Amino acid sequence: MPKDTDSKKIQEHFISEVKKYFSDELKRPEILNRIGIPNIIPFNKITSLEIKLDIIKSKIKKIKEFLLKEKNIKLIFDDSIEAYYTLVANNVDDSMEARSLILFLETDLVKAISNIIFKNRELIEKKLLESEDDDGLVNLKLKYVSSNDSRGFKEEIF
């Protein structure tokens, strides 16, 4: 129960500071009136590892869906992906919240997948042509590998 009260106080304080900013700092309270105070939504900080992992898994699911729908590439991860989830969740800028998780995935995982697809484009094209008789898909299996001096993904295309 105290958490709800603390959260409510934080939201009230946040809205109060926004009002102060528009009226005292900018001296433009009419802008706030146009935005509308009910439209000000303070977000709680994401501190839970579980929530961060849910966000990561959701974004990776969308990447997999895109590759399947647009490129006929079925992305498969082995169990090592759990270590990658933890790496992402623990190595982000908490001040940027969920956006930081997404940026990390875009600059790390999406870049790695893109490089793998580009590097293996001829093989993938060949497999796609061969697989038209079957399900029309190419399977791209990724294994997350990490050592003291490097980390990345190893691929298997079948």
Foldseek 3Di string as FASTA:
>chain_A
DVVVVVVVVVVVVVLVVVCCCCCPVVVHNVVCVVCDSVNDDDDDQDDDLVVLLVLLVVVVVVVQVCCCVPPQEHEAEDPQVVVVSVVLSVPFDSVVGNVRSVVCCVVAVVVQVVVVCVVCVVVLVVVLVVCPVPPSHKYWYWYWDDDPPDTHIDIDID
